[in-house]
Amino acid sequence: MLTILFAARPDRWDAYEAPLKRAIAATGLTDFRVVTEAAPEEVDYIVYAPNSDVQDFSIFPNLKAILNLWAGVETIVGNTTITVPLCRMVDTGLREGMREWVTGHVLRHHLGMDAQIKGTPGLWDPRIPPLARNRTVAILGLGELGTACAETLLALGFTVTGWSRSPKSIPGVSCFHGPDGLTECLSAAEIVVLLLPNTPATENTLNARTLAAMPRGAFVINPGRGPLIDDDALLAALDSGQIAHATLDVFRVEPLPADHPYWHHPQVTVTPHIASETRPETAAEVIAENIRRSESGEPLLHLVDRSAGY
């Protein structure tokens, strides 16, 4: 019998127990159990959240794979006790949620909606926004989520560019890579969306130099990872008008401390890490498919490159 250990916060078990069992059964596997406790030698797979109490994987002698519940793996990828495949979460619900949140905030800034939402009563100021085709949006990070957002914005008519550390190709999107490519990508970007992984190489991707490379009055949207931005540099760019507004969903410390300058800055919108969330029903399908693949000797989906950090 396959033993699948669910290693996450106890409150997550209620949400995941039924979807996981349904999804695994739907693959055709019948001789399995999904549990929150098991003898280490009995465990074949671990469905894992990095905030779990499980941190030492060397105690599981028969472990075949670790199936992460989160898209991010930065807090687990350096764990030296992991000697089996590690898979990150990429599911349709996560992708759809991110696409909707990003599109909403891009359109908000593109259309200048804050001028009316926060407008002065009696002030008639009919500023007409440009058409989407005359607005360039840059997506930094062209993985599953970045690609989904780029394709949606492209379908709405925006001029979409993208940047990644290594070369990527997305039809209709001008793709850049490497340090020089980042500067070139940012130079025309009126709205920048950050969807990079959190690694030592991506920390402070937006800093004083790269923020200065953007057109004056550009917008920053960060639903990716807090450390992608040098906070002091962003605040200085907002104060100077180099950046018109920043919409931030992720931060170096969460919850964002009550005394953090972002809360009180008039050109900053704080959202409480809600851009997208793993949905149990769709996440369970991804996990079940990877278990099926592993048992059939097929390649696993969304395998983490531990040398790259994601």
C-alpha atoms as a PDB file:
ATOM      1  CA  MET A   1       0.000   0.000   0.000  1.00  0.00           C
ATOM      2  CA  LEU A   2       1.219   3.473  -0.910  1.00  0.00           C
ATOM      3  CA  THR A   3       1.459   5.814   2.047  1.00  0.00           C
ATOM      4  CA  ILE A   4       1.141   9.517   1.291  1.00  0.00           C
ATOM      5  CA  LEU A   5       2.009  11.744   4.237  1.00  0.00           C
ATOM      6  CA  PHE A   6       0.279  15.111   4.382  1.00  0.00           C
ATOM      7  CA  ALA A   7       2.802  17.416   6.092  1.00  0.00           C
ATOM      8  CA  ALA A   8       1.281  20.867   6.483  1.00  0.00           C
ATOM      9  CA  ARG A   9      -0.449  22.931   9.148  1.00  0.00           C
ATOM     10  CA  PRO A  10      -3.270  20.982  10.842  1.00  0.00           C
ATOM     11  CA  ASP A  11      -5.938  23.394   9.589  1.00  0.00           C
ATOM     12  CA  ARG A  12      -4.987  22.566   5.987  1.00  0.00           C
ATOM     13  CA  TRP A  13      -5.865  18.888   6.426  1.00  0.00           C
ATOM     14  CA  ASP A  14      -9.605  19.571   6.591  1.00  0.00           C
ATOM     15  CA  ALA A  15      -9.421  21.374   3.238  1.00  0.00           C
ATOM     16  CA  TYR A  16      -7.191  18.837   1.483  1.00  0.00           C
ATOM     17  CA  GLU A  17      -8.195  15.409   2.821  1.00  0.00           C
ATOM     18  CA  ALA A  18     -11.210  14.787   0.604  1.00  0.00           C
ATOM     19  CA  PRO A  19      -9.853  16.411  -2.600  1.00  0.00           C
ATOM     20  CA  LEU A  20      -6.581  14.458  -2.338  1.00  0.00           C
ATOM     21  CA  LYS A  21      -8.299  11.124  -1.840  1.00  0.00           C
ATOM     22  CA  ARG A  22     -10.713  11.793  -4.721  1.00  0.00           C
ATOM     23  CA  ALA A  23      -7.973  12.948  -7.084  1.00  0.00           C
ATOM     24  CA  ILE A  24      -5.650  10.029  -6.353  1.00  0.00           C
ATOM     25  CA  ALA A  25      -8.469   7.515  -6.740  1.00  0.00           C
ATOM     26  CA  ALA A  26      -9.402   9.132 -10.045  1.00  0.00           C
ATOM     27  CA  THR A  27      -5.954   8.246 -11.443  1.00  0.00           C
ATOM     28  CA  GLY A  28      -6.777   4.564 -11.076  1.00  0.00           C
ATOM     29  CA  LEU A  29      -4.633   3.967  -8.011  1.00  0.00           C
ATOM     30  CA  THR A  30      -6.549   1.943  -5.424  1.00  0.00           C
ATOM     31  CA  ASP A  31      -4.074   0.664  -2.858  1.00  0.00           C
ATOM     32  CA  PHE A  32      -3.135   3.876  -1.080  1.00  0.00           C
ATOM     33  CA  ARG A  33      -3.734   5.881   2.071  1.00  0.00           C
ATOM     34  CA  VAL A  34      -3.365   9.606   2.769  1.00  0.00           C
ATOM     35  CA  VAL A  35      -2.458  10.289   6.397  1.00  0.00           C
ATOM     36  CA  THR A  36      -1.084  12.962   8.695  1.00  0.00           C
ATOM     37  CA  GLU A  37       1.002  10.494  10.712  1.00  0.00           C
ATOM     38  CA  ALA A  38       2.915   7.368   9.719  1.00  0.00           C
ATOM     39  CA  ALA A  39       6.045   5.463  10.596  1.00  0.00           C
ATOM     40  CA  PRO A  40       8.871   7.059   8.549  1.00  0.00           C
ATOM     41  CA  GLU A  41       9.772   3.778   6.840  1.00  0.00           C
ATOM     42  CA  GLU A  42       6.205   3.458   5.520  1.00  0.00           C
ATOM     43  CA  VAL A  43       6.116   6.838   3.734  1.00  0.00           C
ATOM     44  CA  ASP A  44       6.304   6.836  -0.079  1.00  0.00           C
ATOM     45  CA  TYR A  45       5.349  10.452  -0.850  1.00  0.00           C
ATOM     46  CA  ILE A  46       5.109  13.643   1.180  1.00  0.00           C
ATOM     47  CA  VAL A  47       2.576  16.318   0.285  1.00  0.00           C
ATOM     48  CA  TYR A  48       4.413  19.229   1.798  1.00  0.00           C
ATOM     49  CA  ALA A  49       4.060  22.808   2.967  1.00  0.00           C
ATOM     50  CA  PRO A  50       7.385  24.423   3.917  1.00  0.00           C
ATOM     51  CA  ASN A  51       5.918  25.726   7.199  1.00  0.00           C
ATOM     52  CA  SER A  52       5.378  22.114   8.287  1.00  0.00           C
ATOM     53  CA  ASP A  53       7.170  20.683  11.314  1.00  0.00           C
ATOM     54  CA  VAL A  54       8.807  18.137   8.992  1.00  0.00           C
ATOM     55  CA  GLN A  55      12.292  19.427   8.221  1.00  0.00           C
ATOM     56  CA  ASP A  56      14.504  16.332   8.316  1.00  0.00           C
ATOM     57  CA  PHE A  57      13.801  14.114   5.309  1.00  0.00           C
ATOM     58  CA  SER A  58      16.638  11.699   6.006  1.00  0.00           C
ATOM     59  CA  ILE A  59      14.336   9.772   8.365  1.00  0.00           C
ATOM     60  CA  PHE A  60      12.198   8.574   5.419  1.00  0.00           C
ATOM     61  CA  PRO A  61      14.231   5.704   3.879  1.00  0.00           C
ATOM     62  CA  ASN A  62      11.665   4.805   1.199  1.00  0.00           C
ATOM     63  CA  LEU A  63      10.602   8.305   0.165  1.00  0.00           C
ATOM     64  CA  LYS A  64      10.098   8.688  -3.593  1.00  0.00           C
ATOM     65  CA  ALA A  65       9.242  12.398  -3.965  1.00  0.00           C
ATOM     66  CA  ILE A  66       8.247  15.565  -2.115  1.00  0.00           C
ATOM     67  CA  LEU A  67       5.221  17.294  -3.642  1.00  0.00           C
ATOM     68  CA  ASN A  68       5.161  20.922  -2.561  1.00  0.00           C
ATOM     69  CA  LEU A  69       1.844  22.656  -1.914  1.00  0.00           C
ATOM     70  CA  TRP A  70       3.335  26.093  -2.598  1.00  0.00           C
ATOM     71  CA  ALA A  71       4.594  27.642  -5.816  1.00  0.00           C
ATOM     72  CA  GLY A  72       7.617  28.967  -3.912  1.00  0.00           C
ATOM     73  CA  VAL A  73      10.346  26.594  -2.764  1.00  0.00           C
ATOM     74  CA  GLU A  74      12.935  29.097  -1.527  1.00  0.00           C
ATOM     75  CA  THR A  75      12.620  27.990   2.107  1.00  0.00           C
ATOM     76  CA  ILE A  76      13.056  24.304   1.343  1.00  0.00           C
ATOM     77  CA  VAL A  77      15.296  24.093  -1.718  1.00  0.00           C
ATOM     78  CA  GLY A  78      18.466  24.400   0.369  1.00  0.00           C
ATOM     79  CA  ASN A  79      17.506  21.583   2.747  1.00  0.00           C
ATOM     80  CA  THR A  80      20.450  19.188   2.534  1.00  0.00           C
ATOM     81  CA  THR A  81      18.434  16.233   3.828  1.00  0.00           C
ATOM     82  CA  ILE A  82      16.409  16.161   0.590  1.00  0.00           C
ATOM     83  CA  THR A  83      17.788  13.498  -1.740  1.00  0.00           C
ATOM     84  CA  VAL A  84      14.615  12.743  -3.729  1.00  0.00           C
ATOM     85  CA  PRO A  85      12.811  14.745  -6.420  1.00  0.00           C
ATOM     86  CA  LEU A  86      11.146  17.946  -5.204  1.00  0.00           C
ATOM     87  CA  CYS A  87       8.196  19.310  -7.191  1.00  0.00           C
ATOM     88  CA  ARG A  88       6.757  22.791  -6.870  1.00  0.00           C
ATOM     89  CA  MET A  89       3.056  23.539  -7.178  1.00  0.00           C
ATOM     90  CA  VAL A  90       1.748  24.788 -10.501  1.00  0.00           C
ATOM     91  CA  ASP A  91      -1.991  24.311 -10.714  1.00  0.00           C
ATOM     92  CA  THR A  92      -4.765  25.849 -12.757  1.00  0.00           C
ATOM     93  CA  GLY A  93      -6.342  27.615  -9.775  1.00  0.00           C
ATOM     94  CA  LEU A  94      -3.065  29.288  -8.841  1.00  0.00           C
ATOM     95  CA  ARG A  95      -2.526  30.334 -12.448  1.00  0.00           C
ATOM     96  CA  GLU A  96      -6.054  31.663 -12.916  1.00  0.00           C
ATOM     97  CA  GLY A  97      -6.007  33.580  -9.634  1.00  0.00           C
ATOM     98  CA  MET A  98      -2.713  35.273 -10.460  1.00  0.00           C
ATOM     99  CA  ARG A  99      -3.858  36.129 -13.977  1.00  0.00           C
ATOM    100  CA  GLU A 100      -7.025  37.772 -12.657  1.00  0.00           C
ATOM    101  CA  TRP A 101      -5.283  39.760  -9.893  1.00  0.00           C
ATOM    102  CA  VAL A 102      -2.517  41.011 -12.183  1.00  0.00           C
ATOM    103  CA  THR A 103      -4.916  41.918 -14.983  1.00  0.00           C
ATOM    104  CA  GLY A 104      -7.135  43.846 -12.584  1.00  0.00           C
ATOM    105  CA  HIS A 105      -4.306  45.961 -11.218  1.00  0.00           C
ATOM    106  CA  VAL A 106      -2.721  46.517 -14.633  1.00  0.00           C
ATOM    107  CA  LEU A 107      -6.067  47.816 -15.936  1.00  0.00           C
ATOM    108  CA  ARG A 108      -6.508  49.947 -12.818  1.00  0.00           C
ATOM    109  CA  HIS A 109      -3.232  51.762 -13.457  1.00  0.00           C
ATOM    110  CA  HIS A 110      -3.611  51.779 -17.238  1.00  0.00           C
ATOM    111  CA  LEU A 111      -7.040  53.429 -17.038  1.00  0.00           C
ATOM    112  CA  GLY A 112      -6.082  55.770 -14.203  1.00  0.00           C
ATOM    113  CA  MET A 113      -9.011  54.568 -12.130  1.00  0.00           C
ATOM    114  CA  ASP A 114      -7.615  55.965  -8.862  1.00  0.00           C
ATOM    115  CA  ALA A 115      -8.290  59.486 -10.127  1.00  0.00           C
ATOM    116  CA  GLN A 116     -12.024  58.788 -10.006  1.00  0.00           C
ATOM    117  CA  ILE A 117     -12.116  56.371  -7.068  1.00  0.00           C
ATOM    118  CA  LYS A 118     -10.154  58.789  -4.889  1.00  0.00           C
ATOM    119  CA  GLY A 119     -11.219  61.922  -6.781  1.00  0.00           C
ATOM    120  CA  THR A 120     -12.227  65.301  -5.419  1.00  0.00           C
ATOM    121  CA  PRO A 121     -15.998  65.933  -5.536  1.00  0.00           C
ATOM    122  CA  GLY A 122     -16.799  68.622  -8.093  1.00  0.00           C
ATOM    123  CA  LEU A 123     -13.495  68.272  -9.967  1.00  0.00           C
ATOM    124  CA  TRP A 124     -14.219  67.517 -13.645  1.00  0.00           C
ATOM    125  CA  ASP A 125     -10.938  66.350 -15.140  1.00  0.00           C
ATOM    126  CA  PRO A 126     -11.595  64.249 -18.285  1.00  0.00           C
ATOM    127  CA  ARG A 127      -8.183  62.676 -18.916  1.00  0.00           C
ATOM    128  CA  ILE A 128      -8.491  60.023 -21.608  1.00  0.00           C
ATOM    129  CA  PRO A 129      -6.209  56.993 -21.142  1.00  0.00           C
ATOM    130  CA  PRO A 130      -4.301  55.580 -24.091  1.00  0.00           C
ATOM    131  CA  LEU A 131      -5.460  52.391 -25.739  1.00  0.00           C
ATOM    132  CA  ALA A 132      -3.902  49.189 -24.447  1.00  0.00           C
ATOM    133  CA  ARG A 133      -1.883  48.808 -27.653  1.00  0.00           C
ATOM    134  CA  ASN A 134      -0.115  52.057 -26.804  1.00  0.00           C
ATOM    135  CA  ARG A 135       0.870  50.893 -23.307  1.00  0.00           C
ATOM    136  CA  THR A 136       3.866  48.641 -22.664  1.00  0.00           C
ATOM    137  CA  VAL A 137       3.650  46.169 -19.783  1.00  0.00           C
ATOM    138  CA  ALA A 138       6.760  44.232 -18.765  1.00  0.00           C
ATOM    139  CA  ILE A 139       6.512  40.888 -16.976  1.00  0.00           C
ATOM    140  CA  LEU A 140       9.671  40.032 -15.026  1.00  0.00           C
ATOM    141  CA  GLY A 141       9.647  36.264 -14.693  1.00  0.00           C
ATOM    142  CA  LEU A 142       8.328  34.095 -17.520  1.00  0.00           C
ATOM    143  CA  GLY A 143       7.501  30.878 -15.720  1.00  0.00           C
ATOM    144  CA  GLU A 144       4.020  29.359 -15.583  1.00  0.00           C
ATOM    145  CA  LEU A 145       2.458  32.344 -13.819  1.00  0.00           C
ATOM    146  CA  GLY A 146       4.326  35.027 -15.745  1.00  0.00           C
ATOM    147  CA  THR A 147       3.493  33.402 -19.062  1.00  0.00           C
ATOM    148  CA  ALA A 148      -0.206  33.153 -18.158  1.00  0.00           C
ATOM    149  CA  CYS A 149      -0.298  36.857 -17.252  1.00  0.00           C
ATOM    150  CA  ALA A 150       1.616  37.860 -20.372  1.00  0.00           C
ATOM    151  CA  GLU A 151      -0.763  35.938 -22.635  1.00  0.00           C
ATOM    152  CA  THR A 152      -3.842  37.485 -21.012  1.00  0.00           C
ATOM    153  CA  LEU A 153      -2.515  41.046 -21.250  1.00  0.00           C
ATOM    154  CA  LEU A 154      -1.507  40.395 -24.842  1.00  0.00           C
ATOM    155  CA  ALA A 155      -5.064  39.263 -25.611  1.00  0.00           C
ATOM    156  CA  LEU A 156      -6.335  42.573 -24.201  1.00  0.00           C
ATOM    157  CA  GLY A 157      -4.179  44.432 -26.683  1.00  0.00           C
ATOM    158  CA  PHE A 158      -1.262  45.559 -24.511  1.00  0.00           C
ATOM    159  CA  THR A 159       2.257  45.675 -25.856  1.00  0.00           C
ATOM    160  CA  VAL A 160       3.843  43.019 -23.665  1.00  0.00           C
ATOM    161  CA  THR A 161       7.529  42.460 -23.016  1.00  0.00           C
ATOM    162  CA  GLY A 162       9.107  39.944 -20.695  1.00  0.00           C
ATOM    163  CA  TRP A 163      12.372  39.267 -18.954  1.00  0.00           C
ATOM    164  CA  SER A 164      13.873  36.128 -17.500  1.00  0.00           C
ATOM    165  CA  ARG A 165      17.337  35.053 -16.425  1.00  0.00           C
ATOM    166  CA  SER A 166      17.565  32.545 -19.293  1.00  0.00           C
ATOM    167  CA  PRO A 167      16.165  32.864 -22.831  1.00  0.00           C
ATOM    168  CA  LYS A 168      12.408  32.284 -23.235  1.00  0.00           C
ATOM    169  CA  SER A 169      10.064  32.486 -26.202  1.00  0.00           C
ATOM    170  CA  ILE A 170       6.362  33.410 -25.986  1.00  0.00           C
ATOM    171  CA  PRO A 171       4.444  34.202 -29.195  1.00  0.00           C
ATOM    172  CA  GLY A 172       3.651  37.914 -29.399  1.00  0.00           C
ATOM    173  CA  VAL A 173       5.853  38.848 -26.425  1.00  0.00           C
ATOM    174  CA  SER A 174       9.227  40.542 -26.860  1.00  0.00           C
ATOM    175  CA  CYS A 175      11.415  38.468 -24.552  1.00  0.00           C
ATOM    176  CA  PHE A 176      14.689  39.613 -22.999  1.00  0.00           C
ATOM    177  CA  HIS A 177      17.160  37.870 -20.748  1.00  0.00           C
ATOM    178  CA  GLY A 178      20.330  38.510 -18.804  1.00  0.00           C
ATOM    179  CA  PRO A 179      21.535  41.737 -17.144  1.00  0.00           C
ATOM    180  CA  ASP A 180      21.611  43.812 -20.319  1.00  0.00           C
ATOM    181  CA  GLY A 181      18.217  42.480 -21.338  1.00  0.00           C
ATOM    182  CA  LEU A 182      16.724  43.620 -18.020  1.00  0.00           C
ATOM    183  CA  THR A 183      17.749  47.229 -18.617  1.00  0.00           C
ATOM    184  CA  GLU A 184      16.411  47.101 -22.175  1.00  0.00           C
ATOM    185  CA  CYS A 185      13.129  45.549 -21.049  1.00  0.00           C
ATOM    186  CA  LEU A 186      12.600  48.135 -18.307  1.00  0.00           C
ATOM    187  CA  SER A 187      13.483  51.103 -20.507  1.00  0.00           C
ATOM    188  CA  ALA A 188      10.079  51.055 -22.246  1.00  0.00           C
ATOM    189  CA  ALA A 189       8.004  49.532 -19.440  1.00  0.00           C
ATOM    190  CA  GLU A 190       5.238  51.824 -18.227  1.00  0.00           C
ATOM    191  CA  ILE A 191       3.886  49.060 -15.984  1.00  0.00           C
ATOM    192  CA  VAL A 192       6.161  46.379 -14.507  1.00  0.00           C
ATOM    193  CA  VAL A 193       4.860  43.144 -12.971  1.00  0.00           C
ATOM    194  CA  LEU A 194       7.261  41.065 -10.866  1.00  0.00           C
ATOM    195  CA  LEU A 195       6.762  37.291 -10.957  1.00  0.00           C
ATOM    196  CA  LEU A 196      10.308  36.057 -10.437  1.00  0.00           C
ATOM    197  CA  PRO A 197      11.247  33.336  -7.947  1.00  0.00           C
ATOM    198  CA  ASN A 198      13.016  34.356  -4.764  1.00  0.00           C
ATOM    199  CA  THR A 199      16.674  33.369  -5.123  1.00  0.00           C
ATOM    200  CA  PRO A 200      19.974  35.083  -4.263  1.00  0.00           C
ATOM    201  CA  ALA A 201      20.253  36.027  -7.948  1.00  0.00           C
ATOM    202  CA  THR A 202      16.843  37.747  -8.040  1.00  0.00           C
ATOM    203  CA  GLU A 203      17.020  39.650  -4.743  1.00  0.00           C
ATOM    204  CA  ASN A 204      16.678  43.416  -5.291  1.00  0.00           C
ATOM    205  CA  THR A 205      15.966  42.996  -9.004  1.00  0.00           C
ATOM    206  CA  LEU A 206      14.286  46.376  -8.705  1.00  0.00           C
ATOM    207  CA  ASN A 207      16.849  48.671  -7.110  1.00  0.00           C
ATOM    208  CA  ALA A 208      17.940  52.285  -7.504  1.00  0.00           C
ATOM    209  CA  ARG A 209      19.645  51.580 -10.835  1.00  0.00           C
ATOM    210  CA  THR A 210      16.883  49.498 -12.425  1.00  0.00           C
ATOM    211  CA  LEU A 211      14.098  51.762 -11.168  1.00  0.00           C
ATOM    212  CA  ALA A 212      15.912  54.696 -12.760  1.00  0.00           C
ATOM    213  CA  ALA A 213      15.965  52.794 -16.066  1.00  0.00           C
ATOM    214  CA  MET A 214      12.159  52.839 -16.243  1.00  0.00           C
ATOM    215  CA  PRO A 215      10.205  55.692 -17.846  1.00  0.00           C
ATOM    216  CA  ARG A 216       9.387  58.426 -15.367  1.00  0.00           C
ATOM    217  CA  GLY A 217       5.907  57.920 -13.904  1.00  0.00           C
ATOM    218  CA  ALA A 218       5.857  54.141 -14.411  1.00  0.00           C
ATOM    219  CA  PHE A 219       3.943  51.736 -12.181  1.00  0.00           C
ATOM    220  CA  VAL A 220       5.252  48.736 -10.215  1.00  0.00           C
ATOM    221  CA  ILE A 221       3.095  45.707  -9.376  1.00  0.00           C
ATOM    222  CA  ASN A 222       4.606  42.972  -7.196  1.00  0.00           C
ATOM    223  CA  PRO A 223       2.636  39.763  -6.573  1.00  0.00           C
ATOM    224  CA  GLY A 224       5.841  37.680  -6.731  1.00  0.00           C
ATOM    225  CA  ARG A 225       8.183  37.852  -3.743  1.00  0.00           C
ATOM    226  CA  GLY A 226       9.012  40.674  -1.320  1.00  0.00           C
ATOM    227  CA  PRO A 227      12.822  40.463  -1.642  1.00  0.00           C
ATOM    228  CA  LEU A 228      12.616  41.187  -5.387  1.00  0.00           C
ATOM    229  CA  ILE A 229      12.455  44.888  -4.481  1.00  0.00           C
ATOM    230  CA  ASP A 230      14.902  47.108  -2.606  1.00  0.00           C
ATOM    231  CA  ASP A 231      12.324  48.780  -0.367  1.00  0.00           C
ATOM    232  CA  ASP A 232      14.390  51.912   0.348  1.00  0.00           C
ATOM    233  CA  ALA A 233      15.077  52.414  -3.343  1.00  0.00           C
ATOM    234  CA  LEU A 234      11.401  52.038  -4.213  1.00  0.00           C
ATOM    235  CA  LEU A 235      10.328  54.524  -1.544  1.00  0.00           C
ATOM    236  CA  ALA A 236      12.877  57.030  -2.840  1.00  0.00           C
ATOM    237  CA  ALA A 237      11.646  56.518  -6.418  1.00  0.00           C
ATOM    238  CA  LEU A 238       8.052  57.067  -5.292  1.00  0.00           C
ATOM    239  CA  ASP A 239       8.989  60.234  -3.407  1.00  0.00           C
ATOM    240  CA  SER A 240      10.798  61.634  -6.446  1.00  0.00           C
ATOM    241  CA  GLY A 241       7.999  60.787  -8.887  1.00  0.00           C
ATOM    242  CA  GLN A 242      10.170  58.379 -10.862  1.00  0.00           C
ATOM    243  CA  ILE A 243       7.597  55.716  -9.955  1.00  0.00           C
ATOM    244  CA  ALA A 244       3.990  56.920  -9.900  1.00  0.00           C
ATOM    245  CA  HIS A 245       2.536  54.114  -7.809  1.00  0.00           C
ATOM    246  CA  ALA A 246       3.436  50.693  -6.424  1.00  0.00           C
ATOM    247  CA  THR A 247       0.881  47.965  -5.793  1.00  0.00           C
ATOM    248  CA  LEU A 248       2.482  45.404  -3.496  1.00  0.00           C
ATOM    249  CA  ASP A 249       1.093  42.043  -2.412  1.00  0.00           C
ATOM    250  CA  VAL A 250       4.244  40.449  -0.951  1.00  0.00           C
ATOM    251  CA  PHE A 251       6.831  41.689   1.522  1.00  0.00           C
ATOM    252  CA  ARG A 252      10.083  40.724   3.221  1.00  0.00           C
ATOM    253  CA  VAL A 253       8.234  40.415   6.526  1.00  0.00           C
ATOM    254  CA  GLU A 254       4.633  39.221   6.587  1.00  0.00           C
ATOM    255  CA  PRO A 255       2.276  40.366   7.925  1.00  0.00           C
ATOM    256  CA  LEU A 256       3.687  43.754   6.949  1.00  0.00           C
ATOM    257  CA  PRO A 257       4.577  45.539  10.235  1.00  0.00           C
ATOM    258  CA  ALA A 258       2.111  48.260  11.196  1.00  0.00           C
ATOM    259  CA  ASP A 259       4.850  50.894  11.262  1.00  0.00           C
ATOM    260  CA  HIS A 260       6.210  50.093   7.791  1.00  0.00           C
ATOM    261  CA  PRO A 261       6.325  53.167   5.488  1.00  0.00           C
ATOM    262  CA  TYR A 262       4.382  51.334   2.793  1.00  0.00           C
ATOM    263  CA  TRP A 263       1.198  51.482   4.881  1.00  0.00           C
ATOM    264  CA  HIS A 264       1.214  55.252   5.010  1.00  0.00           C
ATOM    265  CA  HIS A 265       2.674  56.207   1.628  1.00  0.00           C
ATOM    266  CA  PRO A 266       0.029  57.831  -0.619  1.00  0.00           C
ATOM    267  CA  GLN A 267       1.492  56.190  -3.744  1.00  0.00           C
ATOM    268  CA  VAL A 268       1.505  52.648  -2.372  1.00  0.00           C
ATOM    269  CA  THR A 269      -1.300  50.091  -2.347  1.00  0.00           C
ATOM    270  CA  VAL A 270      -0.800  47.210   0.088  1.00  0.00           C
ATOM    271  CA  THR A 271      -2.716  43.977  -0.428  1.00  0.00           C
ATOM    272  CA  PRO A 272      -2.261  41.169   2.142  1.00  0.00           C
ATOM    273  CA  HIS A 273      -0.675  38.396   0.033  1.00  0.00           C
ATOM    274  CA  ILE A 274      -3.917  37.596  -1.772  1.00  0.00           C
ATOM    275  CA  ALA A 275      -2.830  37.765  -5.418  1.00  0.00           C
ATOM    276  CA  SER A 276      -3.230  34.029  -5.761  1.00  0.00           C
ATOM    277  CA  GLU A 277      -3.642  30.985  -3.587  1.00  0.00           C
ATOM    278  CA  THR A 278      -3.311  27.261  -4.073  1.00  0.00           C
ATOM    279  CA  ARG A 279      -6.821  25.802  -4.315  1.00  0.00           C
ATOM    280  CA  PRO A 280      -7.229  22.341  -2.744  1.00  0.00           C
ATOM    281  CA  GLU A 281      -9.328  20.886  -5.581  1.00  0.00           C
ATOM    282  CA  THR A 282      -6.964  21.854  -8.399  1.00  0.00           C
ATOM    283  CA  ALA A 283      -3.785  21.348  -6.358  1.00  0.00           C
ATOM    284  CA  ALA A 284      -4.907  17.829  -5.475  1.00  0.00           C
ATOM    285  CA  GLU A 285      -5.173  16.992  -9.168  1.00  0.00           C
ATOM    286  CA  VAL A 286      -1.555  18.079  -9.775  1.00  0.00           C
ATOM    287  CA  ILE A 287      -0.325  16.046  -6.793  1.00  0.00           C
ATOM    288  CA  ALA A 288      -2.300  12.991  -7.857  1.00  0.00           C
ATOM    289  CA  GLU A 289      -0.960  13.186 -11.399  1.00  0.00           C
ATOM    290  CA  ASN A 290       2.612  13.316 -10.133  1.00  0.00           C
ATOM    291  CA  ILE A 291       2.049  10.282  -7.914  1.00  0.00           C
ATOM    292  CA  ARG A 292       0.575   8.443 -10.900  1.00  0.00           C
ATOM    293  CA  ARG A 293       3.532   9.445 -13.041  1.00  0.00           C
ATOM    294  CA  SER A 294       6.040   8.343 -10.439  1.00  0.00           C
ATOM    295  CA  GLU A 295       4.350   4.969 -10.002  1.00  0.00           C
ATOM    296  CA  SER A 296       4.272   4.513 -13.798  1.00  0.00           C
ATOM    297  CA  GLY A 297       7.917   5.494 -14.276  1.00  0.00           C
ATOM    298  CA  GLU A 298       7.040   8.706 -16.136  1.00  0.00           C
ATOM    299  CA  PRO A 299       8.798  12.087 -15.646  1.00  0.00           C
ATOM    300  CA  LEU A 300       7.455  14.219 -12.816  1.00  0.00           C
ATOM    301  CA  LEU A 301       5.800  17.560 -13.508  1.00  0.00           C
ATOM    302  CA  HIS A 302       7.229  20.860 -12.222  1.00  0.00           C
ATOM    303  CA  LEU A 303      10.465  19.341 -10.969  1.00  0.00           C
ATOM    304  CA  VAL A 304      12.607  21.815  -9.059  1.00  0.00           C
ATOM    305  CA  ASP A 305      16.110  22.555 -10.371  1.00  0.00           C
ATOM    306  CA  ARG A 306      17.823  22.756  -7.027  1.00  0.00           C
ATOM    307  CA  SER A 307      20.970  24.314  -8.459  1.00  0.00           C
ATOM    308  CA  ALA A 308      18.882  27.206  -9.820  1.00  0.00           C
ATOM    309  CA  GLY A 309      16.736  27.453  -6.703  1.00  0.00           C
ATOM    310  CA  TYR A 310      13.327  26.993  -8.364  1.00  0.00           C
END
